[in-house]
Amino acid sequence: MATVEVLPGICGLKTKLKLTADEEQTVQVEIESECPYVTAMQNELKDLDGYSECFAKYSSSTVYTVAEKHIKHLACPIPTAIIKGMEVACGLALPRNVSLLIVRE
């Protein structure tokens, strides 16, 4: 299992993701979010093929297809967080924090 906590930036709508994978790398995504658009993705993110998702192109990813349908802001980091968590849950990557530092100059 992998847990990913996302502090998305200016919207301030926190999200917690729990991703579990079985021996066949079938992934279940559990979403707890203050954002109704992110929460709306929950029902469509079941029984995902973790290996296929982690190595898919954006255009063929179920995660990104579902995100395109529900999330209203292109810069939302949640789809990426789901894929990163899926990599860890499937044993395809080690857990490592991701960070964006945004500065207006």
PDB file of N, CA and C in Angstrom:
ATOM      1  N   MET A   1       0.842  -1.175   0.000  1.00  0.00           N
ATOM      2  CA  MET A   1       0.000   0.000   0.000  1.00  0.00           C
ATOM      3  C   MET A   1       0.890   1.242   0.000  1.00  0.00           C
ATOM      4  N   ALA A   2       0.392   2.282  -0.629  1.00  0.00           N
ATOM      5  CA  ALA A   2       1.067   3.575  -0.627  1.00  0.00           C
ATOM      6  C   ALA A   2       0.044   4.645  -0.250  1.00  0.00           C
ATOM      7  N   THR A   3       0.496   5.612   0.521  1.00  0.00           N
ATOM      8  CA  THR A   3      -0.339   6.751   0.879  1.00  0.00           C
ATOM      9  C   THR A   3       0.333   8.005   0.340  1.00  0.00           C
ATOM     10  N   VAL A   4      -0.463   8.868  -0.274  1.00  0.00           N
ATOM     11  CA  VAL A   4       0.047  10.122  -0.819  1.00  0.00           C
ATOM     12  C   VAL A   4      -0.829  11.248  -0.288  1.00  0.00           C
ATOM     13  N   GLU A   5      -0.202  12.206   0.373  1.00  0.00           N
ATOM     14  CA  GLU A   5      -0.925  13.383   0.838  1.00  0.00           C
ATOM     15  C   GLU A   5      -0.538  14.547  -0.065  1.00  0.00           C
ATOM     16  N   VAL A   6      -1.545  15.227  -0.603  1.00  0.00           N
ATOM     17  CA  VAL A   6      -1.301  16.296  -1.564  1.00  0.00           C
ATOM     18  C   VAL A   6      -1.818  17.619  -1.009  1.00  0.00           C
ATOM     19  N   LEU A   7      -0.929  18.586  -0.944  1.00  0.00           N
ATOM     20  CA  LEU A   7      -1.278  19.970  -0.628  1.00  0.00           C
ATOM     21  C   LEU A   7      -1.136  20.698  -1.968  1.00  0.00           C
ATOM     22  N   PRO A   8      -2.239  20.903  -2.679  1.00  0.00           N
ATOM     23  CA  PRO A   8      -2.185  21.264  -4.093  1.00  0.00           C
ATOM     24  C   PRO A   8      -1.814  22.702  -4.425  1.00  0.00           C
ATOM     25  N   GLY A   9      -1.700  23.565  -3.462  1.00  0.00           N
ATOM     26  CA  GLY A   9      -1.342  24.943  -3.791  1.00  0.00           C
ATOM     27  C   GLY A   9      -2.436  25.915  -3.421  1.00  0.00           C
ATOM     28  N   ILE A  10      -2.673  26.871  -4.284  1.00  0.00           N
ATOM     29  CA  ILE A  10      -3.521  28.004  -3.974  1.00  0.00           C
ATOM     30  C   ILE A  10      -4.969  27.622  -3.670  1.00  0.00           C
ATOM     31  N   CYS A  11      -5.488  26.558  -4.226  1.00  0.00           N
ATOM     32  CA  CYS A  11      -6.871  26.171  -3.922  1.00  0.00           C
ATOM     33  C   CYS A  11      -7.015  25.712  -2.475  1.00  0.00           C
ATOM     34  N   GLY A  12      -5.947  25.157  -1.906  1.00  0.00           N
ATOM     35  CA  GLY A  12      -5.951  24.737  -0.514  1.00  0.00           C
ATOM     36  C   GLY A  12      -6.782  23.502  -0.211  1.00  0.00           C
ATOM     37  N   LEU A  13      -7.259  22.814  -1.241  1.00  0.00           N
ATOM     38  CA  LEU A  13      -8.128  21.641  -1.039  1.00  0.00           C
ATOM     39  C   LEU A  13      -7.267  20.384  -0.940  1.00  0.00           C
ATOM     40  N   LYS A  14      -6.979  19.979   0.280  1.00  0.00           N
ATOM     41  CA  LYS A  14      -6.104  18.835   0.546  1.00  0.00           C
ATOM     42  C   LYS A  14      -6.724  17.534   0.072  1.00  0.00           C
ATOM     43  N   THR A  15      -5.845  16.617  -0.321  1.00  0.00           N
ATOM     44  CA  THR A  15      -6.276  15.287  -0.766  1.00  0.00           C
ATOM     45  C   THR A  15      -5.355  14.243  -0.163  1.00  0.00           C
ATOM     46  N   LYS A  16      -5.954  13.132   0.272  1.00  0.00           N
ATOM     47  CA  LYS A  16      -5.192  11.974   0.738  1.00  0.00           C
ATOM     48  C   LYS A  16      -5.585  10.799  -0.140  1.00  0.00           C
ATOM     49  N   LEU A  17      -4.594  10.128  -0.683  1.00  0.00           N
ATOM     50  CA  LEU A  17      -4.800   8.973  -1.557  1.00  0.00           C
ATOM     51  C   LEU A  17      -4.229   7.732  -0.873  1.00  0.00           C
ATOM     52  N   LYS A  18      -4.966   6.637  -0.951  1.00  0.00           N
ATOM     53  CA  LYS A  18      -4.457   5.335  -0.512  1.00  0.00           C
ATOM     54  C   LYS A  18      -4.554   4.414  -1.712  1.00  0.00           C
ATOM     55  N   LEU A  19      -3.437   3.843  -2.087  1.00  0.00           N
ATOM     56  CA  LEU A  19      -3.388   2.962  -3.244  1.00  0.00           C
ATOM     57  C   LEU A  19      -2.907   1.593  -2.801  1.00  0.00           C
ATOM     58  N   THR A  20      -3.661   0.565  -3.155  1.00  0.00           N
ATOM     59  CA  THR A  20      -3.276  -0.802  -2.833  1.00  0.00           C
ATOM     60  C   THR A  20      -3.197  -1.601  -4.122  1.00  0.00           C
ATOM     61  N   ALA A  21      -2.222  -2.495  -4.168  1.00  0.00           N
ATOM     62  CA  ALA A  21      -2.031  -3.343  -5.347  1.00  0.00           C
ATOM     63  C   ALA A  21      -1.953  -4.794  -4.903  1.00  0.00           C
ATOM     64  N   ASP A  22      -2.565  -5.673  -5.686  1.00  0.00           N
ATOM     65  CA  ASP A  22      -2.458  -7.104  -5.384  1.00  0.00           C
ATOM     66  C   ASP A  22      -1.276  -7.707  -6.152  1.00  0.00           C
ATOM     67  N   GLU A  23      -1.139  -9.018  -6.119  1.00  0.00           N
ATOM     68  CA  GLU A  23      -0.011  -9.702  -6.760  1.00  0.00           C
ATOM     69  C   GLU A  23       0.034  -9.499  -8.270  1.00  0.00           C
ATOM     70  N   GLU A  24      -1.130  -9.272  -8.885  1.00  0.00           N
ATOM     71  CA  GLU A  24      -1.199  -9.061 -10.336  1.00  0.00           C
ATOM     72  C   GLU A  24      -1.074  -7.585 -10.696  1.00  0.00           C
ATOM     73  N   GLN A  25      -0.765  -6.752  -9.714  1.00  0.00           N
ATOM     74  CA  GLN A  25      -0.635  -5.307  -9.849  1.00  0.00           C
ATOM     75  C   GLN A  25      -1.954  -4.638 -10.243  1.00  0.00           C
ATOM     76  N   THR A  26      -3.059  -5.209  -9.783  1.00  0.00           N
ATOM     77  CA  THR A  26      -4.356  -4.557  -9.927  1.00  0.00           C
ATOM     78  C   THR A  26      -4.472  -3.582  -8.770  1.00  0.00           C
ATOM     79  N   VAL A  27      -4.720  -2.321  -9.098  1.00  0.00           N
ATOM     80  CA  VAL A  27      -4.661  -1.244  -8.110  1.00  0.00           C
ATOM     81  C   VAL A  27      -6.050  -0.705  -7.789  1.00  0.00           C
ATOM     82  N   GLN A  28      -6.265  -0.488  -6.500  1.00  0.00           N
ATOM     83  CA  GLN A  28      -7.465   0.183  -6.004  1.00  0.00           C
ATOM     84  C   GLN A  28      -7.029   1.546  -5.486  1.00  0.00           C
ATOM     85  N   VAL A  29      -7.784   2.576  -5.824  1.00  0.00           N
ATOM     86  CA  VAL A  29      -7.478   3.935  -5.388  1.00  0.00           C
ATOM     87  C   VAL A  29      -8.591   4.407  -4.460  1.00  0.00           C
ATOM     88  N   GLU A  30      -8.205   4.814  -3.251  1.00  0.00           N
ATOM     89  CA  GLU A  30      -9.159   5.379  -2.300  1.00  0.00           C
ATOM     90  C   GLU A  30      -8.823   6.866  -2.156  1.00  0.00           C
ATOM     91  N   ILE A  31      -9.815   7.718  -2.366  1.00  0.00           N
ATOM     92  CA  ILE A  31      -9.607   9.163  -2.352  1.00  0.00           C
ATOM     93  C   ILE A  31     -10.380   9.812  -1.209  1.00  0.00           C
ATOM     94  N   GLU A  32      -9.675  10.604  -0.401  1.00  0.00           N
ATOM     95  CA  GLU A  32     -10.296  11.478   0.590  1.00  0.00           C
ATOM     96  C   GLU A  32      -9.868  12.883   0.201  1.00  0.00           C
ATOM     97  N   SER A  33     -10.805  13.709  -0.234  1.00  0.00           N
ATOM     98  CA  SER A  33     -10.431  15.038  -0.712  1.00  0.00           C
ATOM     99  C   SER A  33     -11.450  16.088  -0.314  1.00  0.00           C
ATOM    100  N   GLU A  34     -10.948  17.279  -0.106  1.00  0.00           N
ATOM    101  CA  GLU A  34     -11.813  18.426   0.122  1.00  0.00           C
ATOM    102  C   GLU A  34     -12.359  18.971  -1.202  1.00  0.00           C
ATOM    103  N   CYS A  35     -11.841  18.481  -2.316  1.00  0.00           N
ATOM    104  CA  CYS A  35     -12.258  18.940  -3.643  1.00  0.00           C
ATOM    105  C   CYS A  35     -13.326  18.008  -4.211  1.00  0.00           C
ATOM    106  N   PRO A  36     -14.504  18.531  -4.533  1.00  0.00           N
ATOM    107  CA  PRO A  36     -15.551  17.670  -5.076  1.00  0.00           C
ATOM    108  C   PRO A  36     -15.209  17.087  -6.450  1.00  0.00           C
ATOM    109  N   TYR A  37     -14.380  17.777  -7.228  1.00  0.00           N
ATOM    110  CA  TYR A  37     -14.000  17.273  -8.547  1.00  0.00           C
ATOM    111  C   TYR A  37     -13.069  16.077  -8.435  1.00  0.00           C
ATOM    112  N   VAL A  38     -12.159  16.138  -7.480  1.00  0.00           N
ATOM    113  CA  VAL A  38     -11.246  15.016  -7.239  1.00  0.00           C
ATOM    114  C   VAL A  38     -12.025  13.841  -6.666  1.00  0.00           C
ATOM    115  N   THR A  39     -12.898  14.094  -5.713  1.00  0.00           N
ATOM    116  CA  THR A  39     -13.712  13.034  -5.118  1.00  0.00           C
ATOM    117  C   THR A  39     -14.559  12.331  -6.171  1.00  0.00           C
ATOM    118  N   ALA A  40     -15.021  13.066  -7.165  1.00  0.00           N
ATOM    119  CA  ALA A  40     -15.860  12.494  -8.229  1.00  0.00           C
ATOM    120  C   ALA A  40     -15.119  11.443  -9.067  1.00  0.00           C
ATOM    121  N   MET A  41     -13.801  11.426  -9.003  1.00  0.00           N
ATOM    122  CA  MET A  41     -13.018  10.451  -9.760  1.00  0.00           C
ATOM    123  C   MET A  41     -13.070   9.054  -9.144  1.00  0.00           C
ATOM    124  N   GLN A  42     -13.381   8.971  -7.855  1.00  0.00           N
ATOM    125  CA  GLN A  42     -13.289   7.732  -7.076  1.00  0.00           C
ATOM    126  C   GLN A  42     -13.917   6.524  -7.769  1.00  0.00           C
ATOM    127  N   ASN A  43     -15.158   6.634  -8.205  1.00  0.00           N
ATOM    128  CA  ASN A  43     -15.878   5.473  -8.749  1.00  0.00           C
ATOM    129  C   ASN A  43     -15.290   4.929 -10.040  1.00  0.00           C
ATOM    130  N   GLU A  44     -14.505   5.731 -10.740  1.00  0.00           N
ATOM    131  CA  GLU A  44     -13.932   5.291 -12.012  1.00  0.00           C
ATOM    132  C   GLU A  44     -12.494   4.801 -11.889  1.00  0.00           C
ATOM    133  N   LEU A  45     -11.952   4.827 -10.691  1.00  0.00           N
ATOM    134  CA  LEU A  45     -10.567   4.394 -10.482  1.00  0.00           C
ATOM    135  C   LEU A  45     -10.523   3.106  -9.667  1.00  0.00           C
ATOM    136  N   LYS A  46     -11.135   2.072 -10.221  1.00  0.00           N
ATOM    137  CA  LYS A  46     -11.157   0.752  -9.574  1.00  0.00           C
ATOM    138  C   LYS A  46     -10.537  -0.282 -10.503  1.00  0.00           C
ATOM    139  N   ASP A  47      -9.880  -1.242  -9.924  1.00  0.00           N
ATOM    140  CA  ASP A  47      -9.294  -2.359 -10.676  1.00  0.00           C
ATOM    141  C   ASP A  47      -8.433  -1.883 -11.845  1.00  0.00           C
ATOM    142  N   LEU A  48      -7.527  -0.963 -11.552  1.00  0.00           N
ATOM    143  CA  LEU A  48      -6.628  -0.442 -12.581  1.00  0.00           C
ATOM    144  C   LEU A  48      -5.431  -1.362 -12.753  1.00  0.00           C
ATOM    145  N   ASP A  49      -4.960  -1.507 -13.965  1.00  0.00           N
ATOM    146  CA  ASP A  49      -3.756  -2.273 -14.249  1.00  0.00           C
ATOM    147  C   ASP A  49      -2.562  -1.366 -13.943  1.00  0.00           C
ATOM    148  N   GLY A  50      -1.952  -1.570 -12.796  1.00  0.00           N
ATOM    149  CA  GLY A  50      -0.889  -0.695 -12.329  1.00  0.00           C
ATOM    150  C   GLY A  50       0.274  -0.593 -13.288  1.00  0.00           C
ATOM    151  N   TYR A  51       0.719  -1.713 -13.832  1.00  0.00           N
ATOM    152  CA  TYR A  51       1.860  -1.683 -14.752  1.00  0.00           C
ATOM    153  C   TYR A  51       1.518  -0.875 -15.994  1.00  0.00           C
ATOM    154  N   SER A  52       0.362  -1.139 -16.581  1.00  0.00           N
ATOM    155  CA  SER A  52      -0.047  -0.411 -17.787  1.00  0.00           C
ATOM    156  C   SER A  52      -0.200   1.082 -17.515  1.00  0.00           C
ATOM    157  N   GLU A  53      -0.804   1.425 -16.383  1.00  0.00           N
ATOM    158  CA  GLU A  53      -1.010   2.836 -16.050  1.00  0.00           C
ATOM    159  C   GLU A  53       0.319   3.559 -15.846  1.00  0.00           C
ATOM    160  N   CYS A  54       1.242   2.926 -15.152  1.00  0.00           N
ATOM    161  CA  CYS A  54       2.509   3.590 -14.841  1.00  0.00           C
ATOM    162  C   CYS A  54       3.380   3.812 -16.072  1.00  0.00           C
ATOM    163  N   PHE A  55       3.157   3.048 -17.107  1.00  0.00           N
ATOM    164  CA  PHE A  55       3.975   3.183 -18.313  1.00  0.00           C
ATOM    165  C   PHE A  55       3.167   3.622 -19.532  1.00  0.00           C
ATOM    166  N   ALA A  56       1.956   4.105 -19.301  1.00  0.00           N
ATOM    167  CA  ALA A  56       1.092   4.558 -20.397  1.00  0.00           C
ATOM    168  C   ALA A  56       1.484   5.954 -20.854  1.00  0.00           C
ATOM    169  N   LYS A  57       1.001   6.319 -22.003  1.00  0.00           N
ATOM    170  CA  LYS A  57       1.095   7.703 -22.460  1.00  0.00           C
ATOM    171  C   LYS A  57      -0.066   8.458 -21.825  1.00  0.00           C
ATOM    172  N   TYR A  58       0.055   9.757 -21.701  1.00  0.00           N
ATOM    173  CA  TYR A  58      -1.025  10.555 -21.111  1.00  0.00           C
ATOM    174  C   TYR A  58      -2.354  10.259 -21.794  1.00  0.00           C
ATOM    175  N   SER A  59      -2.345  10.166 -23.114  1.00  0.00           N
ATOM    176  CA  SER A  59      -3.578  10.002 -23.884  1.00  0.00           C
ATOM    177  C   SER A  59      -4.245   8.643 -23.711  1.00  0.00           C
ATOM    178  N   SER A  60      -3.504   7.659 -23.218  1.00  0.00           N
ATOM    179  CA  SER A  60      -4.105   6.330 -23.043  1.00  0.00           C
ATOM    180  C   SER A  60      -4.235   5.926 -21.580  1.00  0.00           C
ATOM    181  N   SER A  61      -3.900   6.819 -20.669  1.00  0.00           N
ATOM    182  CA  SER A  61      -3.976   6.541 -19.238  1.00  0.00           C
ATOM    183  C   SER A  61      -5.413   6.674 -18.734  1.00  0.00           C
ATOM    184  N   THR A  62      -5.880   5.665 -18.038  1.00  0.00           N
ATOM    185  CA  THR A  62      -7.207   5.742 -17.419  1.00  0.00           C
ATOM    186  C   THR A  62      -7.245   6.877 -16.399  1.00  0.00           C
ATOM    187  N   VAL A  63      -6.188   7.026 -15.620  1.00  0.00           N
ATOM    188  CA  VAL A  63      -6.136   8.073 -14.597  1.00  0.00           C
ATOM    189  C   VAL A  63      -6.309   9.447 -15.246  1.00  0.00           C
ATOM    190  N   TYR A  64      -5.568   9.714 -16.305  1.00  0.00           N
ATOM    191  CA  TYR A  64      -5.652  11.023 -16.956  1.00  0.00           C
ATOM    192  C   TYR A  64      -6.960  11.203 -17.728  1.00  0.00           C
ATOM    193  N   THR A  65      -7.517  10.134 -18.258  1.00  0.00           N
ATOM    194  CA  THR A  65      -8.817  10.215 -18.923  1.00  0.00           C
ATOM    195  C   THR A  65      -9.907  10.577 -17.923  1.00  0.00           C
ATOM    196  N   VAL A  66      -9.882   9.937 -16.767  1.00  0.00           N
ATOM    197  CA  VAL A  66     -10.857  10.237 -15.710  1.00  0.00           C
ATOM    198  C   VAL A  66     -10.647  11.655 -15.177  1.00  0.00           C
ATOM    199  N   ALA A  67      -9.399  12.048 -15.007  1.00  0.00           N
ATOM    200  CA  ALA A  67      -9.104  13.407 -14.533  1.00  0.00           C
ATOM    201  C   ALA A  67      -9.610  14.448 -15.525  1.00  0.00           C
ATOM    202  N   GLU A  68      -9.436  14.199 -16.797  1.00  0.00           N
ATOM    203  CA  GLU A  68      -9.907  15.146 -17.812  1.00  0.00           C
ATOM    204  C   GLU A  68     -11.421  15.330 -17.728  1.00  0.00           C
ATOM    205  N   LYS A  69     -12.107  14.279 -17.392  1.00  0.00           N
ATOM    206  CA  LYS A  69     -13.565  14.305 -17.287  1.00  0.00           C
ATOM    207  C   LYS A  69     -14.051  15.086 -16.064  1.00  0.00           C
ATOM    208  N   HIS A  70     -13.319  15.027 -14.962  1.00  0.00           N
ATOM    209  CA  HIS A  70     -13.806  15.570 -13.689  1.00  0.00           C
ATOM    210  C   HIS A  70     -13.097  16.833 -13.199  1.00  0.00           C
ATOM    211  N   ILE A  71     -11.794  16.898 -13.360  1.00  0.00           N
ATOM    212  CA  ILE A  71     -11.029  18.004 -12.781  1.00  0.00           C
ATOM    213  C   ILE A  71     -11.076  19.205 -13.713  1.00  0.00           C
ATOM    214  N   LYS A  72     -11.337  20.369 -13.145  1.00  0.00           N
ATOM    215  CA  LYS A  72     -11.544  21.584 -13.929  1.00  0.00           C
ATOM    216  C   LYS A  72     -10.279  22.403 -14.140  1.00  0.00           C
ATOM    217  N   HIS A  73      -9.183  22.058 -13.469  1.00  0.00           N
ATOM    218  CA  HIS A  73      -7.974  22.872 -13.521  1.00  0.00           C
ATOM    219  C   HIS A  73      -6.815  22.026 -14.031  1.00  0.00           C
ATOM    220  N   LEU A  74      -6.289  22.364 -15.180  1.00  0.00           N
ATOM    221  CA  LEU A  74      -5.242  21.575 -15.831  1.00  0.00           C
ATOM    222  C   LEU A  74      -3.997  21.380 -14.973  1.00  0.00           C
ATOM    223  N   ALA A  75      -3.675  22.353 -14.150  1.00  0.00           N
ATOM    224  CA  ALA A  75      -2.461  22.265 -13.328  1.00  0.00           C
ATOM    225  C   ALA A  75      -2.642  21.448 -12.055  1.00  0.00           C
ATOM    226  N   CYS A  76      -3.806  20.880 -11.833  1.00  0.00           N
ATOM    227  CA  CYS A  76      -4.045  20.071 -10.637  1.00  0.00           C
ATOM    228  C   CYS A  76      -3.030  18.919 -10.562  1.00  0.00           C
ATOM    229  N   PRO A  77      -2.340  18.775  -9.433  1.00  0.00           N
ATOM    230  CA  PRO A  77      -1.324  17.734  -9.306  1.00  0.00           C
ATOM    231  C   PRO A  77      -1.865  16.345  -8.947  1.00  0.00           C
ATOM    232  N   ILE A  78      -3.164  16.219  -8.750  1.00  0.00           N
ATOM    233  CA  ILE A  78      -3.723  14.946  -8.279  1.00  0.00           C
ATOM    234  C   ILE A  78      -3.478  13.781  -9.244  1.00  0.00           C
ATOM    235  N   PRO A  79      -3.699  13.924 -10.564  1.00  0.00           N
ATOM    236  CA  PRO A  79      -3.435  12.765 -11.442  1.00  0.00           C
ATOM    237  C   PRO A  79      -1.993  12.260 -11.331  1.00  0.00           C
ATOM    238  N   THR A  80      -1.054  13.173 -11.272  1.00  0.00           N
ATOM    239  CA  THR A  80       0.348  12.774 -11.124  1.00  0.00           C
ATOM    240  C   THR A  80       0.571  12.079  -9.790  1.00  0.00           C
ATOM    241  N   ALA A  81      -0.054  12.595  -8.739  1.00  0.00           N
ATOM    242  CA  ALA A  81       0.077  11.979  -7.412  1.00  0.00           C
ATOM    243  C   ALA A  81      -0.466  10.551  -7.415  1.00  0.00           C
ATOM    244  N   ILE A  82      -1.557  10.333  -8.132  1.00  0.00           N
ATOM    245  CA  ILE A  82      -2.128   8.977  -8.225  1.00  0.00           C
ATOM    246  C   ILE A  82      -1.136   8.043  -8.905  1.00  0.00           C
ATOM    247  N   ILE A  83      -0.557   8.479 -10.013  1.00  0.00           N
ATOM    248  CA  ILE A  83       0.406   7.635 -10.734  1.00  0.00           C
ATOM    249  C   ILE A  83       1.651   7.383  -9.876  1.00  0.00           C
ATOM    250  N   LYS A  84       2.156   8.416  -9.204  1.00  0.00           N
ATOM    251  CA  LYS A  84       3.339   8.226  -8.348  1.00  0.00           C
ATOM    252  C   LYS A  84       3.045   7.238  -7.218  1.00  0.00           C
ATOM    253  N   GLY A  85       1.880   7.346  -6.604  1.00  0.00           N
ATOM    254  CA  GLY A  85       1.485   6.407  -5.559  1.00  0.00           C
ATOM    255  C   GLY A  85       1.315   4.997  -6.099  1.00  0.00           C
ATOM    256  N   MET A  86       0.786   4.905  -7.302  1.00  0.00           N
ATOM    257  CA  MET A  86       0.593   3.604  -7.944  1.00  0.00           C
ATOM    258  C   MET A  86       1.941   2.923  -8.190  1.00  0.00           C
ATOM    259  N   GLU A  87       2.942   3.690  -8.615  1.00  0.00           N
ATOM    260  CA  GLU A  87       4.285   3.132  -8.811  1.00  0.00           C
ATOM    261  C   GLU A  87       4.798   2.497  -7.528  1.00  0.00           C
ATOM    262  N   VAL A  88       4.614   3.178  -6.421  1.00  0.00           N
ATOM    263  CA  VAL A  88       5.090   2.663  -5.129  1.00  0.00           C
ATOM    264  C   VAL A  88       4.274   1.445  -4.709  1.00  0.00           C
ATOM    265  N   ALA A  89       2.946   1.516  -4.831  1.00  0.00           N
ATOM    266  CA  ALA A  89       2.087   0.397  -4.434  1.00  0.00           C
ATOM    267  C   ALA A  89       2.406  -0.868  -5.225  1.00  0.00           C
ATOM    268  N   CYS A  90       2.797  -0.692  -6.477  1.00  0.00           N
ATOM    269  CA  CYS A  90       3.110  -1.842  -7.337  1.00  0.00           C
ATOM    270  C   CYS A  90       4.566  -2.286  -7.241  1.00  0.00           C
ATOM    271  N   GLY A  91       5.367  -1.584  -6.467  1.00  0.00           N
ATOM    272  CA  GLY A  91       6.783  -1.939  -6.342  1.00  0.00           C
ATOM    273  C   GLY A  91       7.601  -1.525  -7.545  1.00  0.00           C
ATOM    274  N   LEU A  92       7.118  -0.557  -8.310  1.00  0.00           N
ATOM    275  CA  LEU A  92       7.827  -0.096  -9.500  1.00  0.00           C
ATOM    276  C   LEU A  92       8.724   1.107  -9.212  1.00  0.00           C
ATOM    277  N   ALA A  93       8.589   1.684  -8.027  1.00  0.00           N
ATOM    278  CA  ALA A  93       9.420   2.817  -7.613  1.00  0.00           C
ATOM    279  C   ALA A  93       9.473   2.850  -6.091  1.00  0.00           C
ATOM    280  N   LEU A  94      10.514   3.450  -5.577  1.00  0.00           N
ATOM    281  CA  LEU A  94      10.632   3.646  -4.141  1.00  0.00           C
ATOM    282  C   LEU A  94       9.873   4.915  -3.757  1.00  0.00           C
ATOM    283  N   PRO A  95       9.360   4.966  -2.532  1.00  0.00           N
ATOM    284  CA  PRO A  95       8.666   6.178  -2.104  1.00  0.00           C
ATOM    285  C   PRO A  95       9.652   7.337  -1.969  1.00  0.00           C
ATOM    286  N   ARG A  96       9.350   8.413  -2.643  1.00  0.00           N
ATOM    287  CA  ARG A  96      10.180   9.613  -2.560  1.00  0.00           C
ATOM    288  C   ARG A  96       9.282  10.822  -2.749  1.00  0.00           C
ATOM    289  N   ASN A  97       9.443  11.830  -1.922  1.00  0.00           N
ATOM    290  CA  ASN A  97       8.634  13.037  -2.034  1.00  0.00           C
ATOM    291  C   ASN A  97       8.901  13.766  -3.341  1.00  0.00           C
ATOM    292  N   VAL A  98       7.875  14.413  -3.838  1.00  0.00           N
ATOM    293  CA  VAL A  98       7.950  15.247  -5.023  1.00  0.00           C
ATOM    294  C   VAL A  98       7.640  16.667  -4.576  1.00  0.00           C
ATOM    295  N   SER A  99       8.304  17.630  -5.177  1.00  0.00           N
ATOM    296  CA  SER A  99       8.103  19.010  -4.725  1.00  0.00           C
ATOM    297  C   SER A  99       8.148  19.958  -5.911  1.00  0.00           C
ATOM    298  N   LEU A 100       7.311  20.977  -5.843  1.00  0.00           N
ATOM    299  CA  LEU A 100       7.357  22.082  -6.801  1.00  0.00           C
ATOM    300  C   LEU A 100       7.586  23.349  -5.984  1.00  0.00           C
ATOM    301  N   LEU A 101       8.544  24.120  -6.343  1.00  0.00           N
ATOM    302  CA  LEU A 101       8.774  25.397  -5.682  1.00  0.00           C
ATOM    303  C   LEU A 101       8.450  26.472  -6.716  1.00  0.00           C
ATOM    304  N   ILE A 102       7.422  27.256  -6.463  1.00  0.00           N
ATOM    305  CA  ILE A 102       6.962  28.245  -7.436  1.00  0.00           C
ATOM    306  C   ILE A 102       7.183  29.628  -6.861  1.00  0.00           C
ATOM    307  N   VAL A 103       7.951  30.448  -7.572  1.00  0.00           N
ATOM    308  CA  VAL A 103       8.284  31.780  -7.124  1.00  0.00           C
ATOM    309  C   VAL A 103       7.988  32.770  -8.258  1.00  0.00           C
ATOM    310  N   ARG A 104       7.248  33.811  -7.943  1.00  0.00           N
ATOM    311  CA  ARG A 104       7.021  34.870  -8.930  1.00  0.00           C
ATOM    312  C   ARG A 104       8.158  35.872  -8.800  1.00  0.00           C
ATOM    313  N   GLU A 105       8.797  36.181  -9.898  1.00  0.00           N
ATOM    314  CA  GLU A 105       9.939  37.119  -9.875  1.00  0.00           C
ATOM    315  C   GLU A 105       9.624  38.361 -10.660  1.00  0.00           C
TER     316      GLU A 105
END
